[in-house]
Amino acid sequence: MKVPRFDIFAGTDENAQWIEVVEGLDTAAKRMEFYAAKCPGKYFLFNCVEHRIANSIDTSPLLAPPPPSGRSAQGDSPA
């Protein structure tokens, strides 16, 4: 039985950068997680045979919420 191959991409499906091809879904998922931990962002696995995204991960840093109205970033009261 032939092991399926998956392409690993960084970015989104509209703006993707190819990284490598890996045999087996479990192995490809572990490699994708390795890249996502090394350089946070969006990654996905593409199955070329089925022409679909098989898995994805987003390790982009969360943005801090803006400070409440009327307060500066340090939490001082407005003058």
C-alpha atoms as a PDB file:
ATOM      1  CA  MET A   1       0.000   0.000   0.000  1.00  0.00           C
ATOM      2  CA  LYS A   2       1.348   3.403  -0.958  1.00  0.00           C
ATOM      3  CA  VAL A   3       1.721   5.962   1.837  1.00  0.00           C
ATOM      4  CA  PRO A   4       0.003   9.275   0.995  1.00  0.00           C
ATOM      5  CA  ARG A   5       2.187  12.360   0.680  1.00  0.00           C
ATOM      6  CA  PHE A   6       1.339  15.789   2.040  1.00  0.00           C
ATOM      7  CA  ASP A   7       2.787  19.172   1.161  1.00  0.00           C
ATOM      8  CA  ILE A   8       3.410  21.493   4.095  1.00  0.00           C
ATOM      9  CA  PHE A   9       2.706  25.168   3.466  1.00  0.00           C
ATOM     10  CA  ALA A  10       3.088  28.302   5.578  1.00  0.00           C
ATOM     11  CA  GLY A  11       0.523  31.093   5.237  1.00  0.00           C
ATOM     12  CA  THR A  12      -3.024  30.878   3.934  1.00  0.00           C
ATOM     13  CA  ASP A  13      -4.395  29.057   0.920  1.00  0.00           C
ATOM     14  CA  GLU A  14      -4.439  32.415  -0.924  1.00  0.00           C
ATOM     15  CA  ASN A  15      -0.852  33.349   0.026  1.00  0.00           C
ATOM     16  CA  ALA A  16       1.035  30.132   0.735  1.00  0.00           C
ATOM     17  CA  GLN A  17       4.738  29.333   0.794  1.00  0.00           C
ATOM     18  CA  TRP A  18       5.701  25.706   0.193  1.00  0.00           C
ATOM     19  CA  ILE A  19       8.008  24.200   2.836  1.00  0.00           C
ATOM     20  CA  GLU A  20       8.363  20.475   2.104  1.00  0.00           C
ATOM     21  CA  VAL A  21       6.584  17.229   1.217  1.00  0.00           C
ATOM     22  CA  VAL A  22       6.225  14.466   3.850  1.00  0.00           C
ATOM     23  CA  GLU A  23       4.902  10.894   3.653  1.00  0.00           C
ATOM     24  CA  GLY A  24       2.052   9.980   6.010  1.00  0.00           C
ATOM     25  CA  LEU A  25      -0.487  12.222   7.694  1.00  0.00           C
ATOM     26  CA  ASP A  26       0.823  11.697  11.240  1.00  0.00           C
ATOM     27  CA  THR A  27       4.408  12.441  10.220  1.00  0.00           C
ATOM     28  CA  ALA A  28       3.317  15.484   8.218  1.00  0.00           C
ATOM     29  CA  ALA A  29       1.247  16.810  11.143  1.00  0.00           C
ATOM     30  CA  LYS A  30       4.238  16.477  13.493  1.00  0.00           C
ATOM     31  CA  ARG A  31       6.496  18.288  11.014  1.00  0.00           C
ATOM     32  CA  MET A  32       3.895  21.049  10.609  1.00  0.00           C
ATOM     33  CA  GLU A  33       3.751  21.444  14.407  1.00  0.00           C
ATOM     34  CA  PHE A  34       7.563  21.590  14.497  1.00  0.00           C
ATOM     35  CA  TYR A  35       7.603  24.479  12.004  1.00  0.00           C
ATOM     36  CA  ALA A  36       4.729  26.227  13.796  1.00  0.00           C
ATOM     37  CA  ALA A  37       6.599  26.060  17.114  1.00  0.00           C
ATOM     38  CA  LYS A  38       9.839  27.285  15.534  1.00  0.00           C
ATOM     39  CA  CYS A  39       8.223  30.187  13.657  1.00  0.00           C
ATOM     40  CA  PRO A  40       4.649  30.949  14.839  1.00  0.00           C
ATOM     41  CA  GLY A  41       2.025  31.515  12.175  1.00  0.00           C
ATOM     42  CA  LYS A  42      -0.473  29.701   9.957  1.00  0.00           C
ATOM     43  CA  TYR A  43       0.414  26.336   8.423  1.00  0.00           C
ATOM     44  CA  PHE A  44      -1.512  23.690   6.519  1.00  0.00           C
ATOM     45  CA  LEU A  45      -1.114  20.249   4.979  1.00  0.00           C
ATOM     46  CA  PHE A  46      -2.275  19.764   1.409  1.00  0.00           C
ATOM     47  CA  ASN A  47      -3.195  16.371  -0.015  1.00  0.00           C
ATOM     48  CA  CYS A  48      -2.303  16.551  -3.726  1.00  0.00           C
ATOM     49  CA  VAL A  49      -4.224  13.385  -4.606  1.00  0.00           C
ATOM     50  CA  GLU A  50      -7.509  14.575  -3.098  1.00  0.00           C
ATOM     51  CA  HIS A  51      -6.830  18.277  -3.821  1.00  0.00           C
ATOM     52  CA  ARG A  52      -7.839  19.390  -0.350  1.00  0.00           C
ATOM     53  CA  ILE A  53      -6.381  20.741   2.878  1.00  0.00           C
ATOM     54  CA  ALA A  54      -5.966  17.792   5.237  1.00  0.00           C
ATOM     55  CA  ASN A  55      -4.979  19.653   8.408  1.00  0.00           C
ATOM     56  CA  SER A  56      -4.030  23.126   9.602  1.00  0.00           C
ATOM     57  CA  ILE A  57      -2.657  24.974  12.615  1.00  0.00           C
ATOM     58  CA  ASP A  58      -2.401  28.629  13.615  1.00  0.00           C
ATOM     59  CA  THR A  59       0.196  29.518  16.229  1.00  0.00           C
ATOM     60  CA  SER A  60       0.137  33.249  15.504  1.00  0.00           C
ATOM     61  CA  PRO A  61       0.604  35.310  18.671  1.00  0.00           C
ATOM     62  CA  LEU A  62      -2.609  36.757  20.035  1.00  0.00           C
ATOM     63  CA  LEU A  63      -2.807  40.524  19.951  1.00  0.00           C
ATOM     64  CA  ALA A  64      -3.215  42.268  23.275  1.00  0.00           C
ATOM     65  CA  PRO A  65      -6.607  43.941  23.628  1.00  0.00           C
ATOM     66  CA  PRO A  66      -6.580  47.750  23.456  1.00  0.00           C
ATOM     67  CA  PRO A  67      -6.574  49.576  26.779  1.00  0.00           C
ATOM     68  CA  PRO A  68      -9.995  50.695  28.071  1.00  0.00           C
ATOM     69  CA  SER A  69     -11.190  54.111  26.860  1.00  0.00           C
ATOM     70  CA  GLY A  70      -9.799  57.082  28.729  1.00  0.00           C
ATOM     71  CA  ARG A  71      -6.714  55.260  29.951  1.00  0.00           C
ATOM     72  CA  SER A  72      -3.202  55.133  28.610  1.00  0.00           C
ATOM     73  CA  ALA A  73      -1.315  51.900  27.981  1.00  0.00           C
ATOM     74  CA  GLN A  74       0.325  52.190  31.457  1.00  0.00           C
ATOM     75  CA  GLY A  75      -3.051  52.428  33.175  1.00  0.00           C
ATOM     76  CA  ASP A  76      -2.642  56.074  34.261  1.00  0.00           C
ATOM     77  CA  SER A  77      -5.709  58.205  34.668  1.00  0.00           C
ATOM     78  CA  PRO A  78      -6.291  60.835  31.983  1.00  0.00           C
ATOM     79  CA  ALA A  79      -4.997  64.296  32.903  1.00  0.00           C
END
